[in-house]
Amino acid sequence: MTNRADELRRLLNDWDFIGVFDAAINTDEYDCLIQPLTRMLTAGAGTKDIARFLDDEITGHFGMSPGLVETAPMAQRLTEWWQSDRR
């Protein structure tokens, strides 16, 4: 599972919706999302469910204004990544 977590960390860091990723000093900013996303994807959550979760985290956990970050494309990317790796 570590490999999957590392891949998911890379995807989240590439997205870097708050703009703080720095490979030299800050690679774990989004690690709080890895476990819940993995659980959701394993359970078969769809793009809309993933986007809703990301919206909730962005506003509730990260304290950003609703609608400030477009989550649908990332949710799509995550579900496609998860499904492609399962084939």
C-alpha atoms as a PDB file:
ATOM      1  CA  MET A   1       0.000   0.000   0.000  1.00  0.00           C
ATOM      2  CA  THR A   2       2.925   2.324   0.522  1.00  0.00           C
ATOM      3  CA  ASN A   3       3.522   2.479  -3.218  1.00  0.00           C
ATOM      4  CA  ARG A   4      -0.109   3.509  -3.786  1.00  0.00           C
ATOM      5  CA  ALA A   5       0.182   6.101  -1.024  1.00  0.00           C
ATOM      6  CA  ASP A   6       3.354   7.457  -2.622  1.00  0.00           C
ATOM      7  CA  GLU A   7       1.609   7.694  -5.989  1.00  0.00           C
ATOM      8  CA  LEU A   8      -1.360   9.444  -4.428  1.00  0.00           C
ATOM      9  CA  ARG A   9       0.982  11.841  -2.588  1.00  0.00           C
ATOM     10  CA  ARG A  10       2.640  12.668  -5.913  1.00  0.00           C
ATOM     11  CA  LEU A  11      -0.732  13.367  -7.556  1.00  0.00           C
ATOM     12  CA  LEU A  12      -1.815  15.617  -4.698  1.00  0.00           C
ATOM     13  CA  ASN A  13       1.517  17.448  -4.663  1.00  0.00           C
ATOM     14  CA  ASP A  14       1.275  17.949  -8.438  1.00  0.00           C
ATOM     15  CA  TRP A  15      -2.184  19.456  -7.915  1.00  0.00           C
ATOM     16  CA  ASP A  16      -0.876  21.648  -5.056  1.00  0.00           C
ATOM     17  CA  PHE A  17      -4.113  23.591  -4.702  1.00  0.00           C
ATOM     18  CA  ILE A  18      -2.722  25.876  -1.976  1.00  0.00           C
ATOM     19  CA  GLY A  19       0.613  26.425  -3.700  1.00  0.00           C
ATOM     20  CA  VAL A  20       2.993  25.293  -0.975  1.00  0.00           C
ATOM     21  CA  PHE A  21       4.613  22.195  -2.450  1.00  0.00           C
ATOM     22  CA  ASP A  22       8.403  22.286  -2.419  1.00  0.00           C
ATOM     23  CA  ALA A  23      10.176  18.985  -3.079  1.00  0.00           C
ATOM     24  CA  ALA A  24      13.105  20.049  -0.901  1.00  0.00           C
ATOM     25  CA  ILE A  25      11.242  21.028   2.252  1.00  0.00           C
ATOM     26  CA  ASN A  26       7.494  20.403   2.086  1.00  0.00           C
ATOM     27  CA  THR A  27       6.240  17.131   0.645  1.00  0.00           C
ATOM     28  CA  ASP A  28       3.629  16.143   3.227  1.00  0.00           C
ATOM     29  CA  GLU A  29       1.167  19.041   3.193  1.00  0.00           C
ATOM     30  CA  TYR A  30      -1.581  16.907   1.641  1.00  0.00           C
ATOM     31  CA  ASP A  31      -0.857  13.635   3.442  1.00  0.00           C
ATOM     32  CA  CYS A  32      -4.007  14.094   5.527  1.00  0.00           C
ATOM     33  CA  LEU A  33      -5.969  13.368   2.342  1.00  0.00           C
ATOM     34  CA  ILE A  34      -4.210  10.120   1.429  1.00  0.00           C
ATOM     35  CA  GLN A  35      -5.898   7.707   3.820  1.00  0.00           C
ATOM     36  CA  PRO A  36      -9.478   8.952   3.365  1.00  0.00           C
ATOM     37  CA  LEU A  37      -9.083   9.116  -0.413  1.00  0.00           C
ATOM     38  CA  THR A  38      -7.650   5.609  -0.486  1.00  0.00           C
ATOM     39  CA  ARG A  39     -10.594   4.333   1.566  1.00  0.00           C
ATOM     40  CA  MET A  40     -13.073   6.085  -0.700  1.00  0.00           C
ATOM     41  CA  LEU A  41     -11.461   4.878  -3.907  1.00  0.00           C
ATOM     42  CA  THR A  42     -11.196   1.329  -2.581  1.00  0.00           C
ATOM     43  CA  ALA A  43     -14.914   1.435  -1.747  1.00  0.00           C
ATOM     44  CA  GLY A  44     -15.693   2.499  -5.315  1.00  0.00           C
ATOM     45  CA  ALA A  45     -16.460   6.181  -4.787  1.00  0.00           C
ATOM     46  CA  GLY A  46     -17.162   8.046  -7.981  1.00  0.00           C
ATOM     47  CA  THR A  47     -15.892  11.349  -9.251  1.00  0.00           C
ATOM     48  CA  LYS A  48     -18.728  13.354  -7.675  1.00  0.00           C
ATOM     49  CA  ASP A  49     -18.123  11.773  -4.250  1.00  0.00           C
ATOM     50  CA  ILE A  50     -14.402  12.471  -4.473  1.00  0.00           C
ATOM     51  CA  ALA A  51     -15.031  16.071  -5.568  1.00  0.00           C
ATOM     52  CA  ARG A  52     -17.459  16.579  -2.680  1.00  0.00           C
ATOM     53  CA  PHE A  53     -14.876  15.216  -0.225  1.00  0.00           C
ATOM     54  CA  LEU A  54     -12.181  17.491  -1.656  1.00  0.00           C
ATOM     55  CA  ASP A  55     -14.525  20.485  -1.448  1.00  0.00           C
ATOM     56  CA  ASP A  56     -15.269  19.706   2.185  1.00  0.00           C
ATOM     57  CA  GLU A  57     -11.576  19.323   3.045  1.00  0.00           C
ATOM     58  CA  ILE A  58     -10.565  22.474   1.215  1.00  0.00           C
ATOM     59  CA  THR A  59     -13.112  24.541   3.102  1.00  0.00           C
ATOM     60  CA  GLY A  60     -13.210  22.714   6.440  1.00  0.00           C
ATOM     61  CA  HIS A  61      -9.668  21.505   6.951  1.00  0.00           C
ATOM     62  CA  PHE A  62      -7.637  23.937   4.862  1.00  0.00           C
ATOM     63  CA  GLY A  63      -9.878  26.938   5.594  1.00  0.00           C
ATOM     64  CA  MET A  64     -10.280  28.184   2.046  1.00  0.00           C
ATOM     65  CA  SER A  65     -13.388  29.836   0.658  1.00  0.00           C
ATOM     66  CA  PRO A  66     -15.921  27.553  -1.045  1.00  0.00           C
ATOM     67  CA  GLY A  67     -15.560  27.440  -4.808  1.00  0.00           C
ATOM     68  CA  LEU A  68     -12.052  28.878  -4.765  1.00  0.00           C
ATOM     69  CA  VAL A  69     -10.533  25.604  -5.978  1.00  0.00           C
ATOM     70  CA  GLU A  70     -11.970  23.584  -8.852  1.00  0.00           C
ATOM     71  CA  THR A  71     -12.067  20.002  -7.572  1.00  0.00           C
ATOM     72  CA  ALA A  72     -13.914  18.163 -10.348  1.00  0.00           C
ATOM     73  CA  PRO A  73     -10.866  17.790 -12.628  1.00  0.00           C
ATOM     74  CA  MET A  74      -8.763  16.448  -9.776  1.00  0.00           C
ATOM     75  CA  ALA A  75     -11.521  14.077  -8.696  1.00  0.00           C
ATOM     76  CA  GLN A  76     -11.695  12.794 -12.269  1.00  0.00           C
ATOM     77  CA  ARG A  77      -7.931  12.390 -12.384  1.00  0.00           C
ATOM     78  CA  LEU A  78      -7.910  10.442  -9.118  1.00  0.00           C
ATOM     79  CA  THR A  79     -10.713   8.077 -10.106  1.00  0.00           C
ATOM     80  CA  GLU A  80      -9.158   7.440 -13.520  1.00  0.00           C
ATOM     81  CA  TRP A  81      -5.758   6.815 -11.918  1.00  0.00           C
ATOM     82  CA  TRP A  82      -7.286   4.399  -9.416  1.00  0.00           C
ATOM     83  CA  GLN A  83      -9.277   2.518 -12.048  1.00  0.00           C
ATOM     84  CA  SER A  84      -6.401   2.299 -14.526  1.00  0.00           C
ATOM     85  CA  ASP A  85      -4.148   0.804 -11.897  1.00  0.00           C
ATOM     86  CA  ARG A  86      -6.756  -1.844 -11.051  1.00  0.00           C
ATOM     87  CA  ARG A  87      -6.947  -3.301 -14.575  1.00  0.00           C
END
